[in-house]
C-alpha atoms as a PDB file:
ATOM      1  CA  MET A   1     -36.934 -27.368 -57.512  1.00  0.00           C
ATOM      2  CA  THR A   2     -33.792 -26.290 -59.311  1.00  0.00           C
ATOM      3  CA  GLN A   3     -31.980 -28.394 -61.853  1.00  0.00           C
ATOM      4  CA  THR A   4     -29.115 -29.258 -59.473  1.00  0.00           C
ATOM      5  CA  GLN A   5     -31.551 -30.385 -56.783  1.00  0.00           C
ATOM      6  CA  SER A   6     -33.385 -32.671 -59.200  1.00  0.00           C
ATOM      7  CA  GLN A   7     -30.120 -34.101 -60.535  1.00  0.00           C
ATOM      8  CA  SER A   8     -28.796 -34.869 -57.050  1.00  0.00           C
ATOM      9  CA  SER A   9     -32.051 -36.500 -55.949  1.00  0.00           C
ATOM     10  CA  VAL A  10     -32.051 -38.702 -59.064  1.00  0.00           C
ATOM     11  CA  ALA A  11     -28.417 -39.651 -58.489  1.00  0.00           C
ATOM     12  CA  THR A  12     -29.091 -40.740 -54.909  1.00  0.00           C
ATOM     13  CA  LYS A  13     -32.017 -42.969 -55.893  1.00  0.00           C
ATOM     14  CA  ARG A  14     -30.042 -44.831 -58.559  1.00  0.00           C
ATOM     15  CA  ILE A  15     -27.948 -47.922 -57.860  1.00  0.00           C
ATOM     16  CA  SER A  16     -24.399 -48.051 -59.152  1.00  0.00           C
ATOM     17  CA  THR A  17     -24.211 -49.515 -62.643  1.00  0.00           C
ATOM     18  CA  TYR A  18     -21.206 -51.643 -61.750  1.00  0.00           C
ATOM     19  CA  LEU A  19     -22.882 -53.096 -58.680  1.00  0.00           C
ATOM     20  CA  THR A  20     -26.001 -53.939 -60.687  1.00  0.00           C
ATOM     21  CA  LEU A  21     -23.894 -55.563 -63.404  1.00  0.00           C
ATOM     22  CA  ILE A  22     -21.974 -57.687 -60.897  1.00  0.00           C
ATOM     23  CA  VAL A  23     -25.182 -58.758 -59.130  1.00  0.00           C
ATOM     24  CA  LEU A  24     -26.796 -59.748 -62.429  1.00  0.00           C
ATOM     25  CA  ILE A  25     -23.737 -61.756 -63.495  1.00  0.00           C
ATOM     26  CA  VAL A  26     -23.641 -63.610 -60.156  1.00  0.00           C
ATOM     27  CA  ALA A  27     -27.395 -64.278 -60.374  1.00  0.00           C
ATOM     28  CA  ALA A  28     -27.010 -65.629 -63.916  1.00  0.00           C
ATOM     29  CA  LEU A  29     -24.148 -67.909 -62.837  1.00  0.00           C
ATOM     30  CA  ALA A  30     -26.235 -69.103 -59.878  1.00  0.00           C
ATOM     31  CA  ILE A  31     -29.122 -69.995 -62.168  1.00  0.00           C
ATOM     32  CA  ILE A  32     -26.702 -71.837 -64.489  1.00  0.00           C
ATOM     33  CA  ALA A  33     -25.343 -73.792 -61.498  1.00  0.00           C
ATOM     34  CA  ILE A  34     -28.887 -74.806 -60.511  1.00  0.00           C
ATOM     35  CA  VAL A  35     -29.663 -75.909 -64.075  1.00  0.00           C
ATOM     36  CA  ILE A  36     -26.425 -77.943 -64.202  1.00  0.00           C
ATOM     37  CA  ALA A  37     -27.347 -79.539 -60.862  1.00  0.00           C
ATOM     38  CA  ALA A  38     -30.739 -80.531 -62.240  1.00  0.00           C
ATOM     39  CA  GLY A  39     -29.116 -81.944 -65.388  1.00  0.00           C
ATOM     40  CA  VAL A  40     -26.526 -83.965 -63.462  1.00  0.00           C
ATOM     41  CA  TYR A  41     -29.170 -85.379 -61.131  1.00  0.00           C
ATOM     42  CA  ALA A  42     -31.534 -86.205 -64.003  1.00  0.00           C
ATOM     43  CA  SER A  43     -28.809 -88.075 -65.921  1.00  0.00           C
ATOM     44  CA  ASP A  44     -28.479 -90.819 -63.273  1.00  0.00           C
ATOM     45  CA  PRO A  45     -30.346 -90.321 -59.960  1.00  0.00           C
ATOM     46  CA  ASN A  46     -29.157 -93.731 -58.646  1.00  0.00           C
ATOM     47  CA  ASN A  47     -25.442 -92.871 -58.865  1.00  0.00           C
ATOM     48  CA  SER A  48     -24.237 -91.481 -55.513  1.00  0.00           C
ATOM     49  CA  THR A  49     -21.483 -89.421 -57.178  1.00  0.00           C
ATOM     50  CA  ASN A  50     -24.016 -87.685 -59.409  1.00  0.00           C
ATOM     51  CA  VAL A  51     -26.309 -87.025 -56.445  1.00  0.00           C
ATOM     52  CA  LEU A  52     -23.423 -85.532 -54.454  1.00  0.00           C
ATOM     53  CA  THR A  53     -22.253 -83.429 -57.416  1.00  0.00           C
ATOM     54  CA  SER A  54     -25.747 -82.162 -58.160  1.00  0.00           C
ATOM     55  CA  GLY A  55     -26.232 -81.363 -54.469  1.00  0.00           C
ATOM     56  CA  PHE A  56     -23.059 -79.261 -54.412  1.00  0.00           C
ATOM     57  CA  PHE A  57     -24.047 -77.431 -57.597  1.00  0.00           C
ATOM     58  CA  ALA A  58     -27.542 -76.790 -56.232  1.00  0.00           C
ATOM     59  CA  LEU A  59     -26.157 -75.544 -52.920  1.00  0.00           C
ATOM     60  CA  ILE A  60     -23.658 -73.235 -54.627  1.00  0.00           C
ATOM     61  CA  GLY A  61     -26.363 -71.945 -56.969  1.00  0.00           C
ATOM     62  CA  LEU A  62     -28.876 -71.283 -54.195  1.00  0.00           C
ATOM     63  CA  VAL A  63     -26.315 -69.552 -51.956  1.00  0.00           C
ATOM     64  CA  ALA A  64     -25.060 -67.367 -54.812  1.00  0.00           C
ATOM     65  CA  LEU A  65     -28.601 -66.497 -55.896  1.00  0.00           C
ATOM     66  CA  THR A  66     -29.589 -65.631 -52.325  1.00  0.00           C
ATOM     67  CA  MET A  67     -26.506 -63.469 -51.832  1.00  0.00           C
ATOM     68  CA  SER A  68     -26.993 -61.581 -55.088  1.00  0.00           C
ATOM     69  CA  LEU A  69     -30.665 -60.882 -54.358  1.00  0.00           C
ATOM     70  CA  PHE A  70     -29.799 -59.768 -50.812  1.00  0.00           C
ATOM     71  CA  THR A  71     -27.057 -57.454 -52.134  1.00  0.00           C
ATOM     72  CA  LEU A  72     -29.459 -55.957 -54.651  1.00  0.00           C
ATOM     73  CA  TYR A  73     -32.094 -55.439 -51.942  1.00  0.00           C
ATOM     74  CA  GLN A  74     -29.620 -53.811 -49.528  1.00  0.00           C
ATOM     75  CA  SER A  75     -28.188 -51.464 -52.143  1.00  0.00           C
ATOM     76  CA  ARG A  76     -31.659 -50.321 -53.187  1.00  0.00           C
ATOM     77  CA  ARG A  77     -32.637 -49.739 -49.562  1.00  0.00           C
ATOM     78  CA  GLN A  78     -29.459 -47.784 -48.780  1.00  0.00           C
ATOM     79  CA  THR A  79     -29.820 -45.524 -51.806  1.00  0.00           C
ATOM     80  CA  ALA A  80     -33.417 -44.784 -50.826  1.00  0.00           C
ATOM     81  CA  GLU A  81     -32.276 -43.764 -47.328  1.00  0.00           C
ATOM     82  CA  MET A  82     -29.352 -41.669 -48.525  1.00  0.00           C
ATOM     83  CA  LYS A  83     -30.141 -37.970 -48.696  1.00  0.00           C
ATOM     84  CA  ILE A  84     -27.969 -35.185 -49.982  1.00  0.00           C
ATOM     85  CA  GLU A  85     -28.992 -31.865 -48.585  1.00  0.00           C
ATOM     86  CA  ILE A  86     -28.153 -28.875 -50.730  1.00  0.00           C
ATOM     87  CA  PRO A  87     -27.251 -25.980 -48.430  1.00  0.00           C
ATOM     88  CA  LYS A  88     -29.094 -22.696 -48.711  1.00  0.00           C
ATOM     89  CA  VAL A  89     -26.912 -19.909 -50.074  1.00  0.00           C
ATOM     90  CA  MET A  90     -27.801 -16.473 -48.769  1.00  0.00           C
ATOM     91  CA  THR A  91     -26.926 -12.950 -49.930  1.00  0.00           C
ATOM     92  CA  THR A  92     -26.538  -9.971 -47.588  1.00  0.00           C
ATOM     93  CA  ILE A  93     -27.384  -6.563 -49.048  1.00  0.00           C
ATOM     94  CA  GLN A  94     -26.452  -3.284 -47.317  1.00  0.00           C
ATOM     95  CA  CYS A  95     -27.037   0.339 -48.133  1.00  0.00           C
ATOM     96  CA  THR A  96     -23.908   2.220 -49.251  1.00  0.00           C
ATOM     97  CA  ASN A  97     -25.020   5.383 -47.448  1.00  0.00           C
ATOM     98  CA  LYS A  98     -22.894   5.761 -44.281  1.00  0.00           C
ATOM     99  CA  SER A  99     -25.762   7.179 -42.182  1.00  0.00           C
ATOM    100  CA  CYS A 100     -28.219   4.408 -43.196  1.00  0.00           C
ATOM    101  CA  ASP A 101     -27.988   1.047 -41.446  1.00  0.00           C
ATOM    102  CA  ALA A 102     -30.381  -0.871 -43.722  1.00  0.00           C
ATOM    103  CA  LYS A 103     -29.404  -4.487 -44.148  1.00  0.00           C
ATOM    104  CA  THR A 104     -31.402  -7.237 -45.847  1.00  0.00           C
ATOM    105  CA  VAL A 105     -30.760 -10.936 -46.323  1.00  0.00           C
ATOM    106  CA  ARG A 106     -32.250 -12.906 -49.197  1.00  0.00           C
ATOM    107  CA  GLU A 107     -31.650 -16.163 -51.012  1.00  0.00           C
ATOM    108  CA  PHE A 108     -28.800 -16.207 -53.498  1.00  0.00           C
ATOM    109  CA  GLN A 109     -29.700 -15.372 -57.073  1.00  0.00           C
ATOM    110  CA  ARG A 110     -27.605 -16.221 -60.101  1.00  0.00           C
ATOM    111  CA  GLY A 111     -25.177 -13.367 -60.779  1.00  0.00           C
ATOM    112  CA  ASP A 112     -24.797 -12.283 -57.147  1.00  0.00           C
ATOM    113  CA  TYR A 113     -21.251 -11.484 -56.056  1.00  0.00           C
ATOM    114  CA  VAL A 114     -19.648  -9.457 -53.280  1.00  0.00           C
ATOM    115  CA  PHE A 115     -19.364  -5.672 -53.938  1.00  0.00           C
ATOM    116  CA  LYS A 116     -21.964  -5.796 -56.710  1.00  0.00           C
ATOM    117  CA  GLU A 117     -24.011  -2.613 -56.766  1.00  0.00           C
ATOM    118  CA  LEU A 118     -27.730  -3.209 -57.222  1.00  0.00           C
ATOM    119  CA  ASP A 119     -30.164  -1.123 -59.263  1.00  0.00           C
ATOM    120  CA  THR A 120     -32.879  -1.260 -56.597  1.00  0.00           C
ATOM    121  CA  PRO A 121     -32.739   1.733 -54.205  1.00  0.00           C
ATOM    122  CA  CYS A 122     -32.643   1.390 -50.427  1.00  0.00           C
ATOM    123  CA  GLN A 123     -36.092   1.231 -48.831  1.00  0.00           C
ATOM    124  CA  LYS A 124     -35.103   3.596 -45.988  1.00  0.00           C
ATOM    125  CA  CYS A 125     -33.036   6.342 -47.623  1.00  0.00           C
ATOM    126  CA  SER A 126     -33.352   5.624 -51.375  1.00  0.00           C
ATOM    127  CA  GLY A 127     -29.556   5.271 -51.582  1.00  0.00           C
ATOM    128  CA  ARG A 128     -27.656   2.674 -53.569  1.00  0.00           C
ATOM    129  CA  GLN A 129     -27.419  -0.888 -52.302  1.00  0.00           C
ATOM    130  CA  MET A 130     -24.462  -3.263 -52.482  1.00  0.00           C
ATOM    131  CA  ILE A 131     -24.019  -6.987 -51.879  1.00  0.00           C
ATOM    132  CA  THR A 132     -21.655  -7.324 -48.931  1.00  0.00           C
ATOM    133  CA  ALA A 133     -21.704 -11.069 -48.294  1.00  0.00           C
ATOM    134  CA  VAL A 134     -22.582 -14.356 -49.992  1.00  0.00           C
ATOM    135  CA  TYR A 135     -22.569 -17.402 -47.701  1.00  0.00           C
ATOM    136  CA  LYS A 136     -24.196 -20.743 -47.094  1.00  0.00           C
ATOM    137  CA  GLU A 137     -26.416 -21.353 -44.103  1.00  0.00           C
ATOM    138  CA  VAL A 138     -24.864 -23.786 -41.664  1.00  0.00           C
ATOM    139  CA  LYS A 139     -27.289 -25.907 -39.683  1.00  0.00           C
ATOM    140  CA  GLU A 140     -26.190 -26.858 -36.192  1.00  0.00           C
ATOM    141  CA  LYS A 141     -26.022 -30.625 -35.815  1.00  0.00           C
ATOM    142  CA  GLU A 142     -27.452 -32.151 -32.689  1.00  0.00           C
ATOM    143  CA  LYS A 143     -24.753 -33.081 -30.229  1.00  0.00           C
ATOM    144  CA  THR A 144     -24.725 -36.693 -29.143  1.00  0.00           C
ATOM    145  CA  TYR A 145     -23.204 -37.747 -25.864  1.00  0.00           C
ATOM    146  CA  ASN A 146     -21.685 -41.144 -25.347  1.00  0.00           C
ATOM    147  CA  VAL A 147     -22.925 -42.766 -22.184  1.00  0.00           C
END
C-alpha cells in the first residue's frame, strides 16, 4: 500500500474534529442540564414550580444527550462506509522502431512521462522503447434504470 493510499484510508475513517467538538460540547451541556434538574428537584420536591422546572431541565438534558450521541453514532457509521478509490494509473510503452509493433502496458512508476525514452530494449526487435501514454483506468459504472 502506497503512502497516499494509507493517508486517504486514514482520513476517511476519522470523524471531523469540529463535529466531534460540537457533539462533546452539547453532551456536556446536556449533562449539566440533568444535574441542574436533579438539584432543583432535590431542593424542594413538594413545590410544584420546582418539579415543573426540574422536569423541563431533565427533558432538555435527555433530548440533547440523545441527539448528540445519535449524531456521533451516525457520523462514525458514515465515515466507516465512505470509501475513496484511488484510480489505477497506467503507462503505455511502444517500440520506436517503425517496423516493430510491440506495445506493452504497465502500472505507472514514479518518473514516467510521455515521450520518455527507456533504457530497456524492446523484447521483439531490441530497439529503443518510449512511453507514449500515461492515463488512469476508468471503471464503467453500472447503469441504473428508473422504473
